[in-house]
């Protein structure tokens, strides 16, 4: 009978040269991708350093100004009132009793 190894005829055999070549190619692709990622991260870090040196941040360019309003101050005052730290002013009580005065 035959002396050959039947596993050499199987497509999934890890000893086959073509399978080893596929594995090597995938490993090389992964190494290249990791190198690209490291390069991109280095570029991003450089940009962040430059932005911090110049004083520009991305948050300055966004719409943070919308959240920096009197509403935040009013909410803090409400919290203080609810916690019992502060009492309501007479002006606030008067405006609540007579809402028609605002008009």
Protein backbone atom coordinates (compact mmCIF):
# COMPACT_ATOMS: atom_id res chain seq x y z
CA UNK A 1 0.00 0.00 0.00
CA UNK A 2 0.93 3.65 -0.01
CA UNK A 3 3.60 5.09 2.19
CA UNK A 4 2.42 8.69 1.72
CA UNK A 5 0.93 10.85 4.40
CA UNK A 6 -2.75 11.43 3.68
CA UNK A 7 -2.70 14.65 5.67
CA UNK A 8 -0.56 16.21 2.94
CA UNK A 9 -3.58 15.92 0.65
CA UNK A 10 -5.86 17.87 3.02
CA UNK A 11 -6.33 21.59 2.42
CA UNK A 12 -6.30 22.39 6.13
CA UNK A 13 -2.95 20.75 6.88
CA UNK A 14 -0.62 23.23 8.62
CA UNK A 15 2.48 21.54 7.18
CA UNK A 16 1.63 22.47 3.60
CA UNK A 17 3.78 25.22 2.11
CA UNK A 18 0.81 27.10 0.68
CA UNK A 19 -0.86 27.20 4.13
CA UNK A 20 2.36 28.41 5.73
CA UNK A 21 2.62 31.12 3.06
CA UNK A 22 -0.95 32.26 3.80
CA UNK A 23 -0.21 32.45 7.52
CA UNK A 24 3.00 34.39 6.88
CA UNK A 25 1.16 36.87 4.64
CA UNK A 26 -1.53 37.44 7.25
CA UNK A 27 1.14 38.00 9.91
CA UNK A 28 2.90 40.54 7.69
CA UNK A 29 -0.36 42.36 7.02
CA UNK A 30 -1.06 42.52 10.75
CA UNK A 31 2.44 43.86 11.47
CA UNK A 32 2.03 46.52 8.77
CA UNK A 33 -1.34 47.52 10.17
CA UNK A 34 0.10 47.81 13.70
CA UNK A 35 2.93 49.98 12.36
CA UNK A 36 0.39 52.26 10.65
CA UNK A 37 -1.62 52.53 13.87
CA UNK A 38 1.49 53.48 15.84
CA UNK A 39 2.36 56.08 13.21
CA UNK A 40 -1.15 57.57 13.32
CA UNK A 41 -1.10 57.68 17.13
CA UNK A 42 2.25 59.47 17.05
CA UNK A 43 0.83 62.04 14.61
CA UNK A 44 -2.22 62.58 16.81
CA UNK A 45 -0.04 63.05 19.88
CA UNK A 46 2.10 65.61 18.01
CA UNK A 47 -1.01 67.51 16.97
CA UNK A 48 -2.27 67.53 20.57
CA UNK A 49 1.08 68.84 21.81
CA UNK A 50 1.08 71.57 19.19
CA UNK A 51 -2.48 72.53 20.03
CA UNK A 52 -1.66 72.69 23.73
CA UNK A 53 1.38 74.87 23.00
CA UNK A 54 -0.68 77.24 20.89
CA UNK A 55 -3.48 77.20 23.46
CA UNK A 56 -6.17 75.92 21.17
CA UNK A 57 -8.35 73.06 22.17
CA UNK A 58 -11.16 71.40 20.33
CA UNK A 59 -13.58 72.27 23.11
CA UNK A 60 -13.00 75.96 22.48
CA UNK A 61 -14.23 75.48 18.94
CA UNK A 62 -17.37 73.67 19.99
CA UNK A 63 -20.58 75.03 21.40
CA UNK A 64 -19.61 75.04 25.07
CA UNK A 65 -20.75 78.64 25.29
CA UNK A 66 -24.32 77.34 25.24
CA UNK A 67 -23.83 75.54 28.51
CA UNK A 68 -22.09 78.44 30.25
CA UNK A 69 -25.18 80.48 30.98
CA UNK A 70 -27.23 81.81 33.84
CA UNK A 71 -29.23 78.58 33.81
CA UNK A 72 -26.30 76.73 35.40
CA UNK A 73 -26.06 79.36 38.10
CA UNK A 74 -29.82 79.18 38.69
CA UNK A 75 -29.67 75.40 39.00
CA UNK A 76 -26.92 75.71 41.61
CA UNK A 77 -29.05 78.19 43.54
CA UNK A 78 -32.00 75.79 43.38
CA UNK A 79 -29.82 73.00 44.74
CA UNK A 80 -28.65 75.20 47.59
CA UNK A 81 -32.25 76.13 48.39
CA UNK A 82 -33.41 72.51 48.31
CA UNK A 83 -30.57 71.46 50.56
CA UNK A 84 -31.45 74.22 53.00
CA UNK A 85 -28.23 76.18 52.58
CA UNK A 86 -29.92 79.35 51.30
CA UNK A 87 -33.31 80.98 51.64
CA UNK A 88 -35.37 82.53 48.88
CA UNK A 89 -35.15 86.26 48.32
CA UNK A 90 -38.21 88.43 48.77
CA UNK A 91 -38.00 89.43 45.10
CA UNK A 92 -38.32 85.83 43.96
CA UNK A 93 -41.31 85.24 46.22
CA UNK A 94 -43.04 88.41 44.95
CA UNK A 95 -42.55 87.51 41.29
CA UNK A 96 -43.93 84.04 41.88
CA UNK A 97 -47.06 85.41 43.56
CA UNK A 98 -47.68 88.04 40.86
CA UNK A 99 -46.67 86.53 37.53
CA UNK A 100 -48.58 89.26 35.67
CA UNK A 101 -46.04 91.86 36.90
CA UNK A 102 -43.38 90.47 34.55
CA UNK A 103 -45.43 91.33 31.50
